[in-house]
Protein backbone atom coordinates (compact mmCIF):
# COMPACT_ATOMS: atom_id res chain seq x y z
CA UNK A 1 0.03 -0.06 -0.05
CA UNK A 2 2.82 2.43 -0.52
CA UNK A 3 1.53 4.18 -3.26
CA UNK A 4 -1.50 4.85 -1.19
CA UNK A 5 -2.40 7.02 2.01
CA UNK A 6 -4.69 6.17 4.81
CA UNK A 7 -7.05 8.76 5.99
CA UNK A 8 -9.80 9.55 8.45
CA UNK A 9 -12.13 12.41 8.10
CA UNK A 10 -14.27 12.82 10.70
CA UNK A 11 -16.42 14.82 13.48
CA UNK A 12 -17.24 13.65 17.04
CA UNK A 13 -18.28 14.57 20.39
CA UNK A 14 -15.40 16.53 21.45
CA UNK A 15 -14.74 18.45 18.21
CA UNK A 16 -18.52 19.47 17.48
CA UNK A 17 -21.66 20.02 19.85
CA UNK A 18 -24.32 17.55 19.74
CA UNK A 19 -26.93 19.81 17.48
CA UNK A 20 -24.08 19.92 14.79
CA UNK A 21 -23.06 15.95 15.25
CA UNK A 22 -26.65 15.21 14.51
CA UNK A 23 -26.46 16.36 11.09
CA UNK A 24 -24.18 14.16 9.99
CA UNK A 25 -25.29 11.02 11.99
CA UNK A 26 -26.53 8.44 9.36
CA UNK A 27 -28.70 5.41 9.83
CA UNK A 28 -28.02 2.08 8.52
CA UNK A 29 -30.24 2.52 5.75
CA UNK A 30 -28.21 5.48 4.38
CA UNK A 31 -24.81 3.62 4.76
CA UNK A 32 -24.53 1.74 1.52
CA UNK A 33 -25.79 4.47 -0.61
CA UNK A 34 -23.05 6.98 0.97
CA UNK A 35 -20.23 4.27 0.67
CA UNK A 36 -21.04 4.13 -3.28
CA UNK A 37 -21.11 7.81 -3.42
CA UNK A 38 -17.75 8.25 -1.84
CA UNK A 39 -16.31 5.39 -3.66
CA UNK A 40 -16.94 7.21 -6.78
CA UNK A 41 -14.76 9.83 -5.95
CA UNK A 42 -11.54 9.75 -8.17
CA UNK A 43 -8.59 7.95 -6.61
CA UNK A 44 -10.36 6.55 -3.87
CA UNK A 45 -9.37 2.64 -3.53
CA UNK A 46 -11.46 1.94 -0.12
CA UNK A 47 -13.62 3.61 2.20
CA UNK A 48 -15.67 2.91 5.60
CA UNK A 49 -18.28 4.75 7.11
CA UNK A 50 -18.34 4.77 11.16
CA UNK A 51 -21.49 6.51 11.96
CA UNK A 52 -22.67 6.54 15.69
CA UNK A 53 -24.36 8.88 18.34
CA UNK A 54 -20.84 10.20 19.27
CA UNK A 55 -18.97 10.25 16.06
CA UNK A 56 -19.30 10.17 12.17
CA UNK A 57 -15.75 9.33 10.74
CA UNK A 58 -14.73 8.32 6.82
CA UNK A 59 -11.77 6.17 6.46
CA UNK A 60 -10.53 5.99 3.22
CA UNK A 61 -7.47 4.53 1.46
CA UNK A 62 -6.57 6.45 -1.66
CA UNK A 63 -3.83 6.93 -4.17
CA UNK A 64 -0.96 8.94 -2.56
CA UNK A 65 -0.75 12.75 -2.84
CA UNK A 66 -4.53 12.39 -4.71
CA UNK A 67 -7.14 15.11 -3.62
CA UNK A 68 -9.45 12.40 -2.73
CA UNK A 69 -9.38 12.73 1.06
CA UNK A 70 -9.91 16.51 0.52
CA UNK A 71 -12.91 15.93 -1.78
CA UNK A 72 -14.12 13.58 1.13
CA UNK A 73 -13.82 16.42 3.83
CA UNK A 74 -15.54 18.83 1.50
CA UNK A 75 -18.48 16.52 0.96
CA UNK A 76 -18.91 15.87 4.95
CA UNK A 77 -18.96 19.72 5.16
CA UNK A 78 -21.48 20.20 2.31
CA UNK A 79 -23.97 17.61 4.34
CA UNK A 80 -23.61 19.13 7.37
CA UNK A 81 -23.48 22.64 6.35
CA UNK A 82 -27.31 23.44 7.10
CA UNK A 83 -26.65 21.93 10.48
CA UNK A 84 -24.10 24.42 11.42
CA UNK A 85 -20.90 22.24 10.25
CA UNK A 86 -18.01 24.17 10.16
CA UNK A 87 -14.13 23.33 8.95
CA UNK A 88 -13.35 24.10 12.67
CA UNK A 89 -15.41 20.81 13.64
CA UNK A 90 -13.79 18.42 11.12
CA UNK A 91 -10.62 16.71 11.99
CA UNK A 92 -8.37 14.91 9.21
CA UNK A 93 -5.72 12.32 10.32
CA UNK A 94 -3.31 11.03 7.68
CA UNK A 95 -1.16 7.65 7.66
CA UNK A 96 0.03 6.50 11.05
CA UNK A 97 -1.88 9.27 12.88
CA UNK A 98 -5.00 7.69 11.21
CA UNK A 99 -4.12 4.18 12.06
CA UNK A 100 -3.26 5.48 15.70
CA UNK A 101 -6.57 6.88 15.73
CA UNK A 102 -8.79 3.92 14.30
CA UNK A 103 -6.72 1.73 17.22
CA UNK A 104 -7.80 4.32 19.67
CA UNK A 105 -11.34 4.28 18.92
CA UNK A 106 -11.72 0.50 19.18
CA UNK A 107 -9.76 0.48 22.47
CA UNK A 108 -12.42 2.79 23.53
CA UNK A 109 -9.73 5.85 24.50
CA UNK A 110 -11.59 8.21 22.28
CA UNK A 111 -15.05 7.37 23.44
CA UNK A 112 -17.38 9.59 25.79
CA UNK A 113 -17.46 6.80 28.16
CA UNK A 114 -13.67 5.96 28.46
CA UNK A 115 -12.85 2.17 27.64
CA UNK A 116 -16.60 1.32 26.57
CA UNK A 117 -17.09 -1.91 24.85
CA UNK A 118 -19.95 -1.30 22.51
CA UNK A 119 -17.80 0.52 19.96
CA UNK A 120 -16.43 -2.54 18.78
CA UNK A 121 -19.27 -3.93 17.59
CA UNK A 122 -20.02 -0.77 15.79
CA UNK A 123 -16.75 -0.54 14.11
CA UNK A 124 -17.15 -4.40 13.27
CA UNK A 125 -20.51 -3.43 11.48
CA UNK A 126 -19.15 -0.53 9.90
CA UNK A 127 -16.61 -2.45 8.20
CA UNK A 128 -19.08 -5.64 7.45
CA UNK A 129 -21.32 -2.92 5.58
CA UNK A 130 -18.21 -1.74 3.47
CA UNK A 131 -17.23 -5.35 2.61
CA UNK A 132 -20.76 -6.20 1.66
CA UNK A 133 -20.95 -2.93 -0.52
CA UNK A 134 -17.66 -4.03 -2.18
CA UNK A 135 -15.96 -0.69 -0.47
CA UNK A 136 -13.26 -2.52 1.29
CA UNK A 137 -11.13 -5.11 0.36
CA UNK A 138 -7.91 -6.89 1.50
CA UNK A 139 -6.26 -3.71 2.48
CA UNK A 140 -8.56 -2.34 4.77
CA UNK A 141 -9.79 -5.57 6.30
CA UNK A 142 -6.11 -6.39 7.30
CA UNK A 143 -6.29 -2.52 8.88
CA UNK A 144 -9.60 -3.09 10.80
CA UNK A 145 -8.65 -6.68 11.94
CA UNK A 146 -5.31 -5.37 13.26
CA UNK A 147 -7.46 -2.50 15.39
CA UNK A 148 -9.51 -5.50 16.49
CA UNK A 149 -6.45 -6.88 17.89
CA UNK A 150 -5.39 -3.93 19.14
CA UNK A 151 -8.83 -3.55 21.44
CA UNK A 152 -8.68 -7.36 22.57
CA UNK A 153 -5.07 -6.57 23.88
CA UNK A 154 -6.05 -3.60 25.60
CA UNK A 155 -9.03 -4.95 27.33
CA UNK A 156 -7.12 -8.25 28.24
CA UNK A 157 -3.97 -6.69 29.61
CA UNK A 158 -5.30 -3.67 31.17
CA UNK A 159 -8.21 -2.47 33.15
CA UNK A 160 -9.45 -0.09 30.93
CA UNK A 161 -13.09 -1.53 30.69
CA UNK A 162 -13.38 -2.54 34.12
CA UNK A 163 -16.22 -1.35 36.56
CA UNK A 164 -19.20 0.32 35.88
CA UNK A 165 -19.12 3.66 34.66
CA UNK A 166 -22.94 4.47 33.80
CA UNK A 167 -25.38 5.31 36.43
CA UNK A 168 -27.70 2.55 34.84
CA UNK A 169 -25.12 -0.14 34.80
CA UNK A 170 -23.89 1.36 38.34
CA UNK A 171 -27.37 0.87 39.96
CA UNK A 172 -27.45 -2.54 38.87
CA UNK A 173 -24.05 -3.32 40.25
CA UNK A 174 -25.39 -1.77 43.43
CA UNK A 175 -28.30 -4.06 43.64
CA UNK A 176 -26.35 -7.08 43.27
CA UNK A 177 -24.24 -6.20 46.21
CA UNK A 178 -26.83 -6.13 48.52
CA UNK A 179 -29.18 -8.94 46.73
CA UNK A 180 -26.40 -11.35 45.14
CA UNK A 181 -26.98 -12.99 42.02
CA UNK A 182 -29.71 -11.71 40.39
CA UNK A 183 -30.85 -14.86 38.11
CA UNK A 184 -34.78 -15.33 38.58
CA UNK A 185 -34.69 -12.59 41.17
CA UNK A 186 -38.17 -10.48 41.01
CA UNK A 187 -37.38 -6.98 40.13
CA UNK A 188 -39.03 -3.82 39.83
CA UNK A 189 -37.91 -0.78 37.58
CA UNK A 190 -40.05 2.56 38.14
CA UNK A 191 -39.48 4.57 35.18
CA UNK A 192 -39.46 3.76 31.39
CA UNK A 193 -37.19 6.45 30.06
CA UNK A 194 -33.88 6.34 28.42
CA UNK A 195 -32.47 5.18 32.09
CA UNK A 196 -35.27 3.14 32.59
CA UNK A 197 -34.45 1.25 29.60
CA UNK A 198 -30.90 0.86 30.15
CA UNK A 199 -31.58 -0.52 33.69
CA UNK A 200 -34.26 -2.78 32.41
CA UNK A 201 -31.45 -4.23 29.82
CA UNK A 202 -28.86 -4.79 32.52
CA UNK A 203 -31.33 -6.47 34.77
CA UNK A 204 -32.65 -8.96 32.08
CA UNK A 205 -28.92 -9.31 31.27
CA UNK A 206 -28.49 -10.67 34.93
CA UNK A 207 -31.49 -12.94 34.55
CA UNK A 208 -34.02 -11.24 36.57
CA UNK A 209 -37.53 -11.48 36.32
CA UNK A 210 -38.36 -7.77 35.38
CA UNK A 211 -41.61 -5.66 35.85
CA UNK A 212 -41.66 -1.95 34.77
CA UNK A 213 -43.96 0.45 36.21
CA UNK A 214 -44.53 3.83 34.47
CA UNK A 215 -46.95 6.75 34.40
CA UNK A 216 -47.80 6.15 30.78
CA UNK A 217 -48.68 2.49 30.83
CA UNK A 218 -48.16 2.29 26.96
CA UNK A 219 -44.68 3.15 27.53
CA UNK A 220 -44.43 0.52 30.10
CA UNK A 221 -46.04 -2.08 27.95
CA UNK A 222 -43.53 -1.20 24.90
CA UNK A 223 -40.34 -1.53 27.19
CA UNK A 224 -41.56 -4.85 28.89
CA UNK A 225 -42.44 -6.24 25.57
CA UNK A 226 -39.02 -5.48 24.06
CA UNK A 227 -37.12 -7.02 27.06
CA UNK A 228 -39.38 -9.75 27.70
CA UNK A 229 -40.76 -8.31 30.90
CA UNK A 230 -43.94 -7.45 31.88
CA UNK A 231 -45.85 -3.96 32.80
CA UNK A 232 -47.77 -2.37 35.55
CA UNK A 233 -49.43 1.08 36.03
CA UNK A 234 -48.41 3.09 38.51
CA UNK A 235 -51.33 2.97 40.69
CA UNK A 236 -50.47 -0.51 41.43
CA UNK A 237 -47.04 0.43 42.65
CA UNK A 238 -47.44 -0.64 46.27
CA UNK A 239 -48.67 -3.95 45.13
CA UNK A 240 -45.50 -4.54 42.77
CA UNK A 241 -43.38 -3.54 45.60
CA UNK A 242 -44.29 -6.27 47.82
CA UNK A 243 -43.45 -8.72 45.09
CA UNK A 244 -40.18 -7.67 44.53
CA UNK A 245 -36.78 -8.15 45.92
CA UNK A 246 -34.87 -5.33 44.14
CA UNK A 247 -36.27 -1.95 42.97
CA UNK A 248 -34.75 0.41 41.08
CA UNK A 249 -36.53 3.86 40.51
CA UNK A 250 -35.35 6.26 37.57
CA UNK A 251 -38.22 8.92 36.86
CA UNK A 252 -38.22 12.37 36.64
CA UNK A 253 -41.07 12.88 39.29
CA UNK A 254 -41.08 16.10 41.06
CA UNK A 255 -42.06 14.55 43.91
CA UNK A 256 -41.37 11.16 45.99
CA UNK A 257 -43.33 7.99 44.25
CA UNK A 258 -42.33 5.69 46.99
CA UNK A 259 -43.31 7.17 50.64
CA UNK A 260 -41.99 5.98 54.07
CA UNK A 261 -45.44 4.52 55.20
CA UNK A 262 -45.78 2.91 51.81
CA UNK A 263 -42.53 0.87 52.28
CA UNK A 264 -43.66 0.20 56.03
CA UNK A 265 -46.87 -1.40 54.61
CA UNK A 266 -45.07 -3.42 52.13
CA UNK A 267 -42.63 -4.80 54.48
CA UNK A 268 -45.29 -5.81 56.89
CA UNK A 269 -46.66 -8.24 53.90
CA UNK A 270 -42.96 -9.49 52.97
CA UNK A 271 -42.61 -10.46 56.59
CA UNK A 272 -39.45 -8.52 56.76
CA UNK A 273 -37.92 -9.98 53.66
CA UNK A 274 -34.62 -8.21 52.47
CA UNK A 275 -35.58 -5.16 50.22
CA UNK A 276 -32.89 -3.48 48.09
CA UNK A 277 -34.09 0.01 46.67
CA UNK A 278 -31.73 1.90 44.27
CA UNK A 279 -33.25 5.43 43.81
CA UNK A 280 -31.60 7.25 40.77
CA UNK A 281 -34.40 9.53 39.98
CA UNK A 282 -33.82 13.29 40.02
CA UNK A 283 -35.59 14.58 42.06
CA UNK A 284 -35.28 11.33 44.46
CA UNK A 285 -38.22 9.00 43.91
CA UNK A 286 -38.01 7.50 47.38
CA UNK A 287 -38.52 9.25 50.56
CA UNK A 288 -35.25 9.37 52.48
CA UNK A 289 -36.91 7.82 55.60
CA UNK A 290 -37.47 4.40 53.77
CA UNK A 291 -33.92 3.37 54.42
CA UNK A 292 -34.85 3.35 58.10
CA UNK A 293 -37.31 0.64 57.90
CA UNK A 294 -36.23 -3.21 58.81
CA UNK A 295 -34.33 -4.82 56.26
CA UNK A 296 -34.76 -2.24 53.64
CA UNK A 297 -31.33 -1.17 51.70
CA UNK A 298 -31.77 2.09 49.92
CA UNK A 299 -28.92 3.57 47.84
CA UNK A 300 -29.15 7.04 46.38
CA UNK A 301 -27.93 8.86 43.43
CA UNK A 302 -24.85 9.96 45.47
CA UNK A 303 -24.00 6.78 46.28
CA UNK A 304 -23.89 5.83 42.37
CA UNK A 305 -21.97 8.80 41.48
CA UNK A 306 -19.27 7.91 43.79
CA UNK A 307 -19.05 4.61 42.53
CA UNK A 308 -18.84 5.61 38.81
CA UNK A 309 -16.47 8.26 39.73
CA UNK A 310 -14.18 5.63 41.33
CA UNK A 311 -14.33 3.43 38.26
CA UNK A 312 -13.71 6.25 36.05
CA UNK A 313 -10.51 7.21 38.14
CA UNK A 314 -9.27 3.71 37.81
CA UNK A 315 -9.78 3.56 34.07
CA UNK A 316 -7.93 6.93 33.61
CA UNK A 317 -5.05 5.45 35.22
CA UNK A 318 -5.04 2.63 32.48
CA UNK A 319 -4.68 5.35 29.37
CA UNK A 320 -0.93 5.18 29.41
CA UNK A 321 -0.69 1.28 29.30
CA UNK A 322 -3.44 1.19 26.60
CA UNK A 323 -1.68 3.96 24.63
CA UNK A 324 1.76 2.01 24.85
CA UNK A 325 -0.32 -0.97 23.55
CA UNK A 326 -1.55 0.93 20.48
CA UNK A 327 1.98 2.34 19.88
CA UNK A 328 2.87 -1.27 19.77
CA UNK A 329 0.26 -2.27 17.37
CA UNK A 330 0.60 0.79 14.92
CA UNK A 331 4.21 0.06 14.58
CA UNK A 332 3.61 -3.53 14.06
CA UNK A 333 0.85 -3.00 11.55
CA UNK A 334 3.35 -0.40 9.60
CA UNK A 335 6.05 -2.98 9.64
CA UNK A 336 3.92 -5.61 8.21
CA UNK A 337 2.51 -3.18 5.78
CA UNK A 338 6.06 -2.16 4.64
CA UNK A 339 6.72 -5.94 3.98
CA UNK A 340 3.47 -6.25 2.03
CA UNK A 341 4.62 -3.25 -0.01
CA UNK A 342 7.96 -4.61 -1.15
CA UNK A 343 6.46 -7.93 -1.93
CA UNK A 344 5.65 -7.17 -5.30
CA UNK A 345 8.93 -5.71 -6.24
CA UNK A 346 10.92 -8.73 -4.84
CA UNK A 347 8.59 -10.97 -6.70
CA UNK A 348 9.63 -8.91 -10.02
CA UNK A 349 13.39 -8.97 -9.20
CA UNK A 350 13.04 -13.03 -8.61
CA UNK A 351 11.24 -13.35 -11.90
CA UNK A 352 13.57 -10.97 -13.92
CA UNK A 353 16.74 -13.01 -12.54
CA UNK A 354 14.86 -16.39 -13.19
CA UNK A 355 14.32 -15.13 -16.86
CA UNK A 356 17.67 -14.42 -17.43
CA UNK A 357 19.00 -17.65 -15.85
CA UNK A 358 16.63 -19.55 -18.27
CA UNK A 359 17.92 -17.51 -21.26
CA UNK A 360 21.48 -18.35 -20.26
CA UNK A 361 20.75 -22.14 -19.62
CA UNK A 362 19.23 -22.37 -23.07
CA UNK A 363 22.14 -20.60 -24.84
CA UNK A 364 24.69 -23.08 -23.05
CA UNK A 365 22.35 -26.12 -23.40
CA UNK A 366 23.82 -27.70 -26.43
CA UNK A 367 27.51 -27.21 -25.01
CA UNK A 368 26.62 -28.83 -21.96
CA UNK A 369 24.99 -31.52 -23.60
CA UNK A 370 28.00 -32.26 -25.56
CA UNK A 371 30.13 -32.10 -22.20
CA UNK A 372 32.07 -29.22 -22.97
CA UNK A 373 34.17 -28.72 -19.80
CA UNK A 374 34.19 -25.02 -20.16
CA UNK A 375 30.47 -24.72 -20.59
CA UNK A 376 29.62 -24.16 -16.83
CA UNK A 377 32.51 -21.62 -16.48
CA UNK A 378 30.88 -19.79 -19.50
CA UNK A 379 27.51 -19.96 -18.44
CA UNK A 380 27.93 -18.86 -15.04
CA UNK A 381 30.36 -15.76 -16.06
CA UNK A 382 27.82 -14.90 -18.26
CA UNK A 383 24.71 -15.13 -16.28
CA UNK A 384 26.84 -12.73 -13.40
CA UNK A 385 27.69 -10.10 -15.99
CA UNK A 386 23.99 -9.88 -16.92
CA UNK A 387 22.69 -9.89 -13.43
CA UNK A 388 25.16 -6.96 -12.60
CA UNK A 389 24.75 -5.06 -15.55
CA UNK A 390 22.08 -2.70 -14.44
CA UNK A 391 23.33 -2.52 -10.97
CA UNK A 392 26.63 -1.52 -12.21
CA UNK A 393 25.24 1.43 -14.31
CA UNK A 394 23.21 2.21 -11.37
CA UNK A 395 26.22 2.76 -9.18
CA UNK A 396 28.36 4.80 -11.82
CA UNK A 397 25.41 7.21 -11.95
CA UNK A 398 25.03 7.24 -8.29
CA UNK A 399 28.66 8.23 -7.67
CA UNK A 400 27.54 11.66 -9.17
CA UNK A 401 24.83 12.41 -6.76
CA UNK A 402 25.30 14.47 -3.46
CA UNK A 403 24.08 11.64 -1.11
CA UNK A 404 26.32 8.77 -2.81
CA UNK A 405 28.07 7.80 0.22
CA UNK A 406 24.98 6.93 2.21
CA UNK A 407 23.60 5.24 -0.93
CA UNK A 408 26.51 3.08 -1.32
CA UNK A 409 26.40 2.00 2.43
CA UNK A 410 22.99 0.92 1.42
CA UNK A 411 24.34 -1.08 -1.58
CA UNK A 412 26.84 -2.53 0.68
CA UNK A 413 24.35 -3.88 3.04
CA UNK A 414 22.01 -4.98 0.05
CA UNK A 415 24.62 -7.18 -1.27
CA UNK A 416 26.10 -8.14 1.92
CA UNK A 417 29.55 -6.44 0.74
CA UNK A 418 29.72 -5.12 4.48
CA UNK A 419 30.31 -8.74 5.50
CA UNK A 420 33.17 -11.44 4.93
CA UNK A 421 32.01 -14.55 2.88
CA UNK A 422 31.57 -16.78 6.01
CA UNK A 423 29.40 -14.17 7.51
CA UNK A 424 27.05 -14.19 4.45
CA UNK A 425 26.87 -17.83 4.37
CA UNK A 426 25.69 -17.99 8.02
CA UNK A 427 23.05 -14.97 7.42
CA UNK A 428 19.42 -16.28 6.85
């Protein structure tokens, strides 16, 4: 790929405000048409579009020194112009910087939530879409596979993805600390908004039997159906509390939905069975006095935020370790890339020498068949002269150039002239 460059042109949550980022966020149905459009730009060889809620990036491989990357940048700016996308919002990384950026994205170093793992699947889907559209071939497949390898190393060798860092996942983690394993545990989620949706998902991932209560019954039913749970009306909240061992409240109600008296009545019906309540509502959904009821363990948003803060600090401490892995893997990929670059050159060199060998063998075939004792001597001398003809001319021309000494040393290394005969035999 020495005759081509690798570029990434993009915009993300750090380079542009959300209102601007939304104007260049593309759904799955738009990806293939966009890829086909970008592939038509002259000199573009491969292209991948990565579009998530936090970033839109176009990875391209194009003929080196072509205007293709700048045409892609112009295309992106034009698509987002109506939404306020400007030059200052768009970044452009080239070659090694572009490779390093992709590796950092897959490792979660460039994510809003440091170390997140969801990005790996998103990048894999972006590559799959490009391959299916005929816009990514072996060059980008090897590049992206190297990125996935880097991400795997980062998560296996460091703690960049350890500990919960979102409020929803931290709330479920807190519940597990009190209630233990949540498999088949009756759990109640109060609220069916974005946070409630995430909480429900995490609880289902843990195997809990989830019931969703929400002010709007239709919303509760939709979420419950999606997650394989059941729904209940808000006026049946006390009844649902009585049957749950874990309760996570996450509504934006201006007043508490769960009163102290309600919890006291529920615990009497439960005969004092342990009730774990996690209140991440803003303002609070559960009255503070509920924590004083016997066998009720209640965590608040401040508790959750403290957990998230500690875990984020731990992940921050892992960044230098991940950066070192990215540097190693970037260098590894570049070395492999350079090796692949010279492959065709080596093949042409060997083919050229082989052609000369066959020509000389054919010229001397009759003398060899006749048993001429001088034939082998003449054959090898003739072949040597022909193999060295062009290198000899090049060396004479080289002697006239300004950097002749440096190039002469390179030639010495190329032909092993900096070593004696025995050393050359030992070299593999």
